[in-house]
PDB file of all heavy atoms in Angstrom:
ATOM      1  N   ALA A   1       0.827  -1.210   0.000  1.00  0.00           N
ATOM      2  CA  ALA A   1       0.000   0.000   0.000  1.00  0.00           C
ATOM      3  C   ALA A   1       0.857   1.255   0.000  1.00  0.00           C
ATOM      4  O   ALA A   1       0.540   2.239  -0.670  1.00  0.00           O
ATOM      5  CB  ALA A   1      -0.930  -0.005   1.205  1.00  0.00           C
ATOM      6  N   LEU A   2       1.961   1.241   0.744  1.00  0.00           N
ATOM      7  CA  LEU A   2       2.856   2.408   0.762  1.00  0.00           C
ATOM      8  C   LEU A   2       3.472   2.639  -0.608  1.00  0.00           C
ATOM      9  O   LEU A   2       3.800   3.768  -0.966  1.00  0.00           O
ATOM     10  CB  LEU A   2       3.965   2.225   1.800  1.00  0.00           C
ATOM     11  CG  LEU A   2       3.553   2.381   3.254  1.00  0.00           C
ATOM     12  CD1 LEU A   2       4.706   1.993   4.168  1.00  0.00           C
ATOM     13  CD2 LEU A   2       3.090   3.785   3.542  1.00  0.00           C
ATOM     14  N   GLY A   3       3.630   1.577  -1.375  1.00  0.00           N
ATOM     15  CA  GLY A   3       4.198   1.682  -2.714  1.00  0.00           C
ATOM     16  C   GLY A   3       3.297   2.410  -3.694  1.00  0.00           C
ATOM     17  O   GLY A   3       3.727   2.782  -4.776  1.00  0.00           O
ATOM     18  N   ARG A   4       2.045   2.628  -3.302  1.00  0.00           N
ATOM     19  CA  ARG A   4       1.106   3.334  -4.180  1.00  0.00           C
ATOM     20  C   ARG A   4       0.891   4.784  -3.750  1.00  0.00           C
ATOM     21  O   ARG A   4      -0.022   5.435  -4.217  1.00  0.00           O
ATOM     22  CB  ARG A   4      -0.234   2.605  -4.184  1.00  0.00           C
ATOM     23  CG  ARG A   4      -0.162   1.226  -4.803  1.00  0.00           C
ATOM     24  CD  ARG A   4      -1.539   0.615  -4.964  1.00  0.00           C
ATOM     25  NE  ARG A   4      -2.218   0.434  -3.693  1.00  0.00           N
ATOM     26  CZ  ARG A   4      -2.393  -0.733  -3.088  1.00  0.00           C
ATOM     27  NH1 ARG A   4      -1.919  -1.833  -3.634  1.00  0.00           N
ATOM     28  NH2 ARG A   4      -3.034  -0.818  -1.941  1.00  0.00           N
ATOM     29  N   THR A   5       1.721   5.289  -2.852  1.00  0.00           N
ATOM     30  CA  THR A   5       1.572   6.654  -2.366  1.00  0.00           C
ATOM     31  C   THR A   5       2.694   7.533  -2.908  1.00  0.00           C
ATOM     32  O   THR A   5       3.546   7.080  -3.672  1.00  0.00           O
ATOM     33  CB  THR A   5       1.624   6.689  -0.824  1.00  0.00           C
ATOM     34  OG1 THR A   5       2.932   6.307  -0.399  1.00  0.00           O
ATOM     35  CG2 THR A   5       0.587   5.770  -0.211  1.00  0.00           C
ATOM     36  N   LYS A   6       2.702   8.788  -2.456  1.00  0.00           N
ATOM     37  CA  LYS A   6       3.769   9.712  -2.837  1.00  0.00           C
ATOM     38  C   LYS A   6       5.131   9.245  -2.323  1.00  0.00           C
ATOM     39  O   LYS A   6       6.159   9.648  -2.830  1.00  0.00           O
ATOM     40  CB  LYS A   6       3.490  11.109  -2.276  1.00  0.00           C
ATOM     41  CG  LYS A   6       2.305  11.793  -2.905  1.00  0.00           C
ATOM     42  CD  LYS A   6       2.107  13.155  -2.279  1.00  0.00           C
ATOM     43  CE  LYS A   6       0.886  13.849  -2.837  1.00  0.00           C
ATOM     44  NZ  LYS A   6       0.665  15.155  -2.210  1.00  0.00           N
ATOM     45  N   LEU A   7       5.115   8.394  -1.316  1.00  0.00           N
ATOM     46  CA  LEU A   7       6.355   7.893  -0.712  1.00  0.00           C
ATOM     47  C   LEU A   7       6.883   6.640  -1.401  1.00  0.00           C
ATOM     48  O   LEU A   7       7.849   6.048  -0.938  1.00  0.00           O
ATOM     49  CB  LEU A   7       6.124   7.574   0.767  1.00  0.00           C
ATOM     50  CG  LEU A   7       5.684   8.732   1.656  1.00  0.00           C
ATOM     51  CD1 LEU A   7       5.356   8.210   3.038  1.00  0.00           C
ATOM     52  CD2 LEU A   7       6.766   9.783   1.723  1.00  0.00           C
ATOM     53  N   ALA A   8       6.271   6.232  -2.496  1.00  0.00           N
ATOM     54  CA  ALA A   8       6.593   4.956  -3.143  1.00  0.00           C
ATOM     55  C   ALA A   8       8.085   4.790  -3.401  1.00  0.00           C
ATOM     56  O   ALA A   8       8.667   3.767  -3.039  1.00  0.00           O
ATOM     57  CB  ALA A   8       5.809   4.808  -4.445  1.00  0.00           C
ATOM     58  N   GLN A   9       8.717   5.763  -4.009  1.00  0.00           N
ATOM     59  CA  GLN A   9      10.137   5.634  -4.345  1.00  0.00           C
ATOM     60  C   GLN A   9      10.985   5.509  -3.083  1.00  0.00           C
ATOM     61  O   GLN A   9      11.894   4.696  -3.020  1.00  0.00           O
ATOM     62  CB  GLN A   9      10.603   6.833  -5.188  1.00  0.00           C
ATOM     63  CG  GLN A   9      12.001   6.665  -5.748  1.00  0.00           C
ATOM     64  CD  GLN A   9      12.122   5.481  -6.697  1.00  0.00           C
ATOM     65  OE1 GLN A   9      11.255   5.248  -7.520  1.00  0.00           O
ATOM     66  NE2 GLN A   9      13.187   4.735  -6.569  1.00  0.00           N
ATOM     67  N   SER A  10      10.658   6.295  -2.068  1.00  0.00           N
ATOM     68  CA  SER A  10      11.413   6.245  -0.812  1.00  0.00           C
ATOM     69  C   SER A  10      11.275   4.897  -0.134  1.00  0.00           C
ATOM     70  O   SER A  10      12.239   4.343   0.384  1.00  0.00           O
ATOM     71  CB  SER A  10      10.940   7.339   0.140  1.00  0.00           C
ATOM     72  OG  SER A  10      11.132   8.602  -0.423  1.00  0.00           O
ATOM     73  N   VAL A  11      10.057   4.352  -0.126  1.00  0.00           N
ATOM     74  CA  VAL A  11       9.808   3.059   0.520  1.00  0.00           C
ATOM     75  C   VAL A  11      10.582   1.958  -0.190  1.00  0.00           C
ATOM     76  O   VAL A  11      11.240   1.134   0.434  1.00  0.00           O
ATOM     77  CB  VAL A  11       8.295   2.732   0.543  1.00  0.00           C
ATOM     78  CG1 VAL A  11       8.047   1.298   0.968  1.00  0.00           C
ATOM     79  CG2 VAL A  11       7.572   3.697   1.452  1.00  0.00           C
ATOM     80  N   HIS A  12      10.535   1.968  -1.511  1.00  0.00           N
ATOM     81  CA  HIS A  12      11.230   0.927  -2.266  1.00  0.00           C
ATOM     82  C   HIS A  12      12.744   1.104  -2.199  1.00  0.00           C
ATOM     83  O   HIS A  12      13.478   0.119  -2.131  1.00  0.00           O
ATOM     84  CB  HIS A  12      10.744   0.895  -3.712  1.00  0.00           C
ATOM     85  CG  HIS A  12       9.313   0.438  -3.828  1.00  0.00           C
ATOM     86  ND1 HIS A  12       8.895  -0.791  -3.387  1.00  0.00           N
ATOM     87  CD2 HIS A  12       8.208   1.054  -4.309  1.00  0.00           C
ATOM     88  CE1 HIS A  12       7.592  -0.919  -3.594  1.00  0.00           C
ATOM     89  NE2 HIS A  12       7.153   0.194  -4.151  1.00  0.00           N
ATOM     90  N   ASP A  13      13.209   2.346  -2.182  1.00  0.00           N
ATOM     91  CA  ASP A  13      14.646   2.593  -2.051  1.00  0.00           C
ATOM     92  C   ASP A  13      15.168   2.073  -0.715  1.00  0.00           C
ATOM     93  O   ASP A  13      16.282   1.555  -0.631  1.00  0.00           O
ATOM     94  CB  ASP A  13      14.965   4.090  -2.159  1.00  0.00           C
ATOM     95  CG  ASP A  13      14.915   4.593  -3.592  1.00  0.00           C
ATOM     96  OD1 ASP A  13      14.852   3.753  -4.514  1.00  0.00           O
ATOM     97  OD2 ASP A  13      14.933   5.816  -3.783  1.00  0.00           O
ATOM     98  N   ALA A  14      14.383   2.263   0.319  1.00  0.00           N
ATOM     99  CA  ALA A  14      14.818   1.844   1.649  1.00  0.00           C
ATOM    100  C   ALA A  14      14.764   0.329   1.804  1.00  0.00           C
ATOM    101  O   ALA A  14      15.350  -0.216   2.734  1.00  0.00           O
ATOM    102  CB  ALA A  14      13.939   2.504   2.711  1.00  0.00           C
ATOM    103  N   GLY A  15      14.090  -0.369   0.903  1.00  0.00           N
ATOM    104  CA  GLY A  15      13.980  -1.823   1.017  1.00  0.00           C
ATOM    105  C   GLY A  15      13.298  -2.211   2.316  1.00  0.00           C
ATOM    106  O   GLY A  15      13.805  -3.014   3.085  1.00  0.00           O
ATOM    107  N   TRP A  16      12.137  -1.598   2.563  1.00  0.00           N
ATOM    108  CA  TRP A  16      11.453  -1.736   3.843  1.00  0.00           C
ATOM    109  C   TRP A  16      11.265  -3.195   4.263  1.00  0.00           C
ATOM    110  O   TRP A  16      11.587  -3.563   5.397  1.00  0.00           O
ATOM    111  CB  TRP A  16      10.095  -1.028   3.784  1.00  0.00           C
ATOM    112  CG  TRP A  16       9.470  -0.907   5.123  1.00  0.00           C
ATOM    113  CD1 TRP A  16       8.540  -1.727   5.671  1.00  0.00           C
ATOM    114  CD2 TRP A  16       9.761   0.063   6.119  1.00  0.00           C
ATOM    115  NE1 TRP A  16       8.211  -1.321   6.927  1.00  0.00           N
ATOM    116  CE2 TRP A  16       8.952  -0.221   7.239  1.00  0.00           C
ATOM    117  CE3 TRP A  16      10.630   1.149   6.180  1.00  0.00           C
ATOM    118  CZ2 TRP A  16       8.984   0.540   8.397  1.00  0.00           C
ATOM    119  CZ3 TRP A  16      10.647   1.909   7.334  1.00  0.00           C
ATOM    120  CH2 TRP A  16       9.844   1.603   8.412  1.00  0.00           C
ATOM    121  N   SER A  17      10.770  -4.027   3.388  1.00  0.00           N
ATOM    122  CA  SER A  17      10.530  -5.435   3.746  1.00  0.00           C
ATOM    123  C   SER A  17      11.828  -6.134   4.135  1.00  0.00           C
ATOM    124  O   SER A  17      11.868  -6.893   5.103  1.00  0.00           O
ATOM    125  CB  SER A  17       9.881  -6.177   2.581  1.00  0.00           C
ATOM    126  OG  SER A  17       8.602  -5.679   2.336  1.00  0.00           O
ATOM    127  N   GLN A  18      12.885  -5.859   3.397  1.00  0.00           N
ATOM    128  CA  GLN A  18      14.180  -6.470   3.698  1.00  0.00           C
ATOM    129  C   GLN A  18      14.714  -5.976   5.045  1.00  0.00           C
ATOM    130  O   GLN A  18      15.281  -6.747   5.812  1.00  0.00           O
ATOM    131  CB  GLN A  18      15.183  -6.157   2.584  1.00  0.00           C
ATOM    132  CG  GLN A  18      16.498  -6.897   2.722  1.00  0.00           C
ATOM    133  CD  GLN A  18      16.345  -8.405   2.597  1.00  0.00           C
ATOM    134  OE1 GLN A  18      15.453  -8.903   1.925  1.00  0.00           O
ATOM    135  NE2 GLN A  18      17.225  -9.136   3.249  1.00  0.00           N
ATOM    136  N   SER A  19      14.509  -4.699   5.339  1.00  0.00           N
ATOM    137  CA  SER A  19      14.967  -4.143   6.618  1.00  0.00           C
ATOM    138  C   SER A  19      14.264  -4.817   7.791  1.00  0.00           C
ATOM    139  O   SER A  19      14.894  -5.145   8.797  1.00  0.00           O
ATOM    140  CB  SER A  19      14.708  -2.639   6.674  1.00  0.00           C
ATOM    141  OG  SER A  19      15.446  -1.974   5.692  1.00  0.00           O
ATOM    142  N   VAL A  20      12.962  -5.041   7.651  1.00  0.00           N
ATOM    143  CA  VAL A  20      12.198  -5.703   8.710  1.00  0.00           C
ATOM    144  C   VAL A  20      12.697  -7.138   8.889  1.00  0.00           C
ATOM    145  O   VAL A  20      12.888  -7.601  10.010  1.00  0.00           O
ATOM    146  CB  VAL A  20      10.684  -5.670   8.406  1.00  0.00           C
ATOM    147  CG1 VAL A  20       9.904  -6.517   9.390  1.00  0.00           C
ATOM    148  CG2 VAL A  20      10.180  -4.230   8.419  1.00  0.00           C
ATOM    149  N   SER A  21      12.950  -7.822   7.791  1.00  0.00           N
ATOM    150  CA  SER A  21      13.458  -9.196   7.873  1.00  0.00           C
ATOM    151  C   SER A  21      14.815  -9.241   8.571  1.00  0.00           C
ATOM    152  O   SER A  21      15.070 -10.132   9.390  1.00  0.00           O
ATOM    153  CB  SER A  21      13.593  -9.797   6.475  1.00  0.00           C
ATOM    154  OG  SER A  21      12.339  -9.899   5.861  1.00  0.00           O
ATOM    155  N   MET A  22      15.666  -8.285   8.267  1.00  0.00           N
ATOM    156  CA  MET A  22      16.994  -8.231   8.912  1.00  0.00           C
ATOM    157  C   MET A  22      16.867  -7.976  10.409  1.00  0.00           C
ATOM    158  O   MET A  22      17.588  -8.587  11.211  1.00  0.00           O
ATOM    159  CB  MET A  22      17.849  -7.151   8.276  1.00  0.00           C
ATOM    160  CG  MET A  22      18.360  -7.502   6.923  1.00  0.00           C
ATOM    161  SD  MET A  22      19.372  -6.132   6.339  1.00  0.00           S
ATOM    162  CE  MET A  22      19.774  -6.698   4.706  1.00  0.00           C
ATOM    163  N   LEU A  23      15.971  -7.075  10.792  1.00  0.00           N
ATOM    164  CA  LEU A  23      15.762  -6.801  12.215  1.00  0.00           C
ATOM    165  C   LEU A  23      15.286  -8.047  12.947  1.00  0.00           C
ATOM    166  O   LEU A  23      15.740  -8.345  14.053  1.00  0.00           O
ATOM    167  CB  LEU A  23      14.750  -5.675  12.397  1.00  0.00           C
ATOM    168  CG  LEU A  23      15.256  -4.263  12.225  1.00  0.00           C
ATOM    169  CD1 LEU A  23      14.101  -3.281  12.278  1.00  0.00           C
ATOM    170  CD2 LEU A  23      16.278  -3.922  13.286  1.00  0.00           C
ATOM    171  N   GLU A  24      14.359  -8.777  12.321  1.00  0.00           N
ATOM    172  CA  GLU A  24      13.858 -10.016  12.928  1.00  0.00           C
ATOM    173  C   GLU A  24      14.992 -11.023  13.121  1.00  0.00           C
ATOM    174  O   GLU A  24      15.125 -11.637  14.170  1.00  0.00           O
ATOM    175  CB  GLU A  24      12.772 -10.637  12.049  1.00  0.00           C
ATOM    176  CG  GLU A  24      11.386 -10.263  12.459  1.00  0.00           C
ATOM    177  CD  GLU A  24      10.333 -10.943  11.606  1.00  0.00           C
ATOM    178  OE1 GLU A  24      10.315 -10.694  10.392  1.00  0.00           O
ATOM    179  OE2 GLU A  24       9.529 -11.709  12.180  1.00  0.00           O
ATOM    180  N   CYS A  25      15.805 -11.184  12.099  1.00  0.00           N
ATOM    181  CA  CYS A  25      16.922 -12.125  12.142  1.00  0.00           C
ATOM    182  C   CYS A  25      17.929 -11.733  13.227  1.00  0.00           C
ATOM    183  O   CYS A  25      18.392 -12.570  13.991  1.00  0.00           O
ATOM    184  CB  CYS A  25      17.590 -12.176  10.772  1.00  0.00           C
ATOM    185  SG  CYS A  25      18.959 -13.338  10.680  1.00  0.00           S
ATOM    186  N   LYS A  26      18.263 -10.452  13.304  1.00  0.00           N
ATOM    187  CA  LYS A  26      19.217  -9.967  14.317  1.00  0.00           C
ATOM    188  C   LYS A  26      18.663 -10.168  15.725  1.00  0.00           C
ATOM    189  O   LYS A  26      19.404 -10.515  16.647  1.00  0.00           O
ATOM    190  CB  LYS A  26      19.529  -8.486  14.104  1.00  0.00           C
ATOM    191  CG  LYS A  26      20.250  -8.181  12.825  1.00  0.00           C
ATOM    192  CD  LYS A  26      21.709  -8.432  12.958  1.00  0.00           C
ATOM    193  CE  LYS A  26      22.402  -7.974  11.678  1.00  0.00           C
ATOM    194  NZ  LYS A  26      23.817  -8.194  11.725  1.00  0.00           N
ATOM    195  N   ALA A  27      17.368  -9.939  15.896  1.00  0.00           N
ATOM    196  CA  ALA A  27      16.751 -10.122  17.212  1.00  0.00           C
ATOM    197  C   ALA A  27      16.894 -11.570  17.670  1.00  0.00           C
ATOM    198  O   ALA A  27      17.253 -11.830  18.824  1.00  0.00           O
ATOM    199  CB  ALA A  27      15.285  -9.715  17.171  1.00  0.00           C
ATOM    200  N   VAL A  28      16.630 -12.503  16.774  1.00  0.00           N
ATOM    201  CA  VAL A  28      16.766 -13.919  17.110  1.00  0.00           C
ATOM    202  C   VAL A  28      18.223 -14.247  17.439  1.00  0.00           C
ATOM    203  O   VAL A  28      18.521 -14.905  18.434  1.00  0.00           O
ATOM    204  CB  VAL A  28      16.250 -14.816  15.949  1.00  0.00           C
ATOM    205  CG1 VAL A  28      16.617 -16.268  16.176  1.00  0.00           C
ATOM    206  CG2 VAL A  28      14.748 -14.654  15.793  1.00  0.00           C
ATOM    207  N   ARG A  29      19.132 -13.763  16.620  1.00  0.00           N
ATOM    208  CA  ARG A  29      20.558 -14.042  16.806  1.00  0.00           C
ATOM    209  C   ARG A  29      21.067 -13.573  18.163  1.00  0.00           C
ATOM    210  O   ARG A  29      21.874 -14.246  18.814  1.00  0.00           O
ATOM    211  CB  ARG A  29      21.375 -13.370  15.703  1.00  0.00           C
ATOM    212  CG  ARG A  29      22.882 -13.621  15.856  1.00  0.00           C
ATOM    213  CD  ARG A  29      23.701 -12.908  14.823  1.00  0.00           C
ATOM    214  NE  ARG A  29      23.375 -13.414  13.507  1.00  0.00           N
ATOM    215  CZ  ARG A  29      23.717 -12.810  12.377  1.00  0.00           C
ATOM    216  NH1 ARG A  29      24.381 -11.671  12.410  1.00  0.00           N
ATOM    217  NH2 ARG A  29      23.399 -13.325  11.218  1.00  0.00           N
ATOM    218  N   TYR A  30      20.609 -12.401  18.612  1.00  0.00           N
ATOM    219  CA  TYR A  30      21.103 -11.832  19.863  1.00  0.00           C
ATOM    220  C   TYR A  30      20.165 -12.041  21.047  1.00  0.00           C
ATOM    221  O   TYR A  30      20.314 -11.414  22.081  1.00  0.00           O
ATOM    222  CB  TYR A  30      21.412 -10.336  19.667  1.00  0.00           C
ATOM    223  CG  TYR A  30      22.547 -10.124  18.706  1.00  0.00           C
ATOM    224  CD1 TYR A  30      22.309  -9.671  17.416  1.00  0.00           C
ATOM    225  CD2 TYR A  30      23.865 -10.412  19.071  1.00  0.00           C
ATOM    226  CE1 TYR A  30      23.348  -9.492  16.518  1.00  0.00           C
ATOM    227  CE2 TYR A  30      24.905 -10.241  18.188  1.00  0.00           C
ATOM    228  CZ  TYR A  30      24.642  -9.781  16.904  1.00  0.00           C
ATOM    229  OH  TYR A  30      25.677  -9.610  16.024  1.00  0.00           O
ATOM    230  N   GLY A  31      19.188 -12.945  20.876  1.00  0.00           N
ATOM    231  CA  GLY A  31      18.310 -13.302  21.978  1.00  0.00           C
ATOM    232  C   GLY A  31      17.322 -12.224  22.382  1.00  0.00           C
ATOM    233  O   GLY A  31      16.894 -12.175  23.532  1.00  0.00           O
ATOM    234  N   ARG A  32      16.968 -11.378  21.466  1.00  0.00           N
ATOM    235  CA  ARG A  32      16.003 -10.300  21.736  1.00  0.00           C
ATOM    236  C   ARG A  32      14.616 -10.694  21.244  1.00  0.00           C
ATOM    237  O   ARG A  32      14.464 -11.582  20.412  1.00  0.00           O
ATOM    238  CB  ARG A  32      16.411  -9.004  21.027  1.00  0.00           C
ATOM    239  CG  ARG A  32      17.730  -8.453  21.436  1.00  0.00           C
ATOM    240  CD  ARG A  32      17.656  -7.932  22.834  1.00  0.00           C
ATOM    241  NE  ARG A  32      18.886  -7.235  23.166  1.00  0.00           N
ATOM    242  CZ  ARG A  32      18.987  -6.392  24.136  1.00  0.00           C
ATOM    243  NH1 ARG A  32      17.947  -6.129  24.882  1.00  0.00           N
ATOM    244  NH2 ARG A  32      20.125  -5.807  24.391  1.00  0.00           N
ATOM    245  N   THR A  33      13.628 -10.013  21.748  1.00  0.00           N
ATOM    246  CA  THR A  33      12.253 -10.245  21.320  1.00  0.00           C
ATOM    247  C   THR A  33      11.901  -9.231  20.245  1.00  0.00           C
ATOM    248  O   THR A  33      12.124  -8.036  20.422  1.00  0.00           O
ATOM    249  CB  THR A  33      11.281 -10.092  22.503  1.00  0.00           C
ATOM    250  OG1 THR A  33      11.669 -11.002  23.522  1.00  0.00           O
ATOM    251  CG2 THR A  33       9.856 -10.355  22.075  1.00  0.00           C
ATOM    252  N   PHE A  34      11.373  -9.707  19.132  1.00  0.00           N
ATOM    253  CA  PHE A  34      10.937  -8.835  18.039  1.00  0.00           C
ATOM    254  C   PHE A  34       9.459  -9.086  17.820  1.00  0.00           C
ATOM    255  O   PHE A  34       9.050 -10.216  17.571  1.00  0.00           O
ATOM    256  CB  PHE A  34      11.710  -9.151  16.754  1.00  0.00           C
ATOM    257  CG  PHE A  34      11.342  -8.263  15.603  1.00  0.00           C
ATOM    258  CD1 PHE A  34      11.992  -7.056  15.414  1.00  0.00           C
ATOM    259  CD2 PHE A  34      10.347  -8.626  14.716  1.00  0.00           C
ATOM    260  CE1 PHE A  34      11.655  -6.232  14.355  1.00  0.00           C
ATOM    261  CE2 PHE A  34       9.991  -7.812  13.654  1.00  0.00           C
ATOM    262  CZ  PHE A  34      10.652  -6.605  13.471  1.00  0.00           C
ATOM    263  N   THR A  35       8.651  -8.052  17.962  1.00  0.00           N
ATOM    264  CA  THR A  35       7.220  -8.204  17.737  1.00  0.00           C
ATOM    265  C   THR A  35       6.723  -7.110  16.801  1.00  0.00           C
ATOM    266  O   THR A  35       7.303  -6.033  16.722  1.00  0.00           O
ATOM    267  CB  THR A  35       6.408  -8.128  19.052  1.00  0.00           C
ATOM    268  OG1 THR A  35       6.711  -6.906  19.712  1.00  0.00           O
ATOM    269  CG2 THR A  35       6.726  -9.282  19.964  1.00  0.00           C
ATOM    270  N   LYS A  36       5.662  -7.436  16.099  1.00  0.00           N
ATOM    271  CA  LYS A  36       5.006  -6.460  15.227  1.00  0.00           C
ATOM    272  C   LYS A  36       3.641  -6.162  15.829  1.00  0.00           C
ATOM    273  O   LYS A  36       2.964  -7.060  16.302  1.00  0.00           O
ATOM    274  CB  LYS A  36       4.815  -7.029  13.821  1.00  0.00           C
ATOM    275  CG  LYS A  36       6.093  -7.282  13.074  1.00  0.00           C
ATOM    276  CD  LYS A  36       5.785  -7.847  11.702  1.00  0.00           C
ATOM    277  CE  LYS A  36       7.036  -8.287  11.002  1.00  0.00           C
ATOM    278  NZ  LYS A  36       6.735  -8.942   9.726  1.00  0.00           N
ATOM    279  N   VAL A  37       3.276  -4.885  15.812  1.00  0.00           N
ATOM    280  CA  VAL A  37       1.938  -4.512  16.266  1.00  0.00           C
ATOM    281  C   VAL A  37       1.087  -4.214  15.045  1.00  0.00           C
ATOM    282  O   VAL A  37       1.595  -3.870  13.981  1.00  0.00           O
ATOM    283  CB  VAL A  37       1.955  -3.306  17.235  1.00  0.00           C
ATOM    284  CG1 VAL A  37       2.672  -3.663  18.517  1.00  0.00           C
ATOM    285  CG2 VAL A  37       2.563  -2.089  16.599  1.00  0.00           C
TER     286      VAL A  37
END
């Protein structure tokens, strides 16, 4: 949905989905809790 807004280029440039996946992976690696609301 964000990809269809004025922020589309910024969202895709930032690789939002990949960033979230990396955060999840790092949390598991370092024994942290990662949750999405």
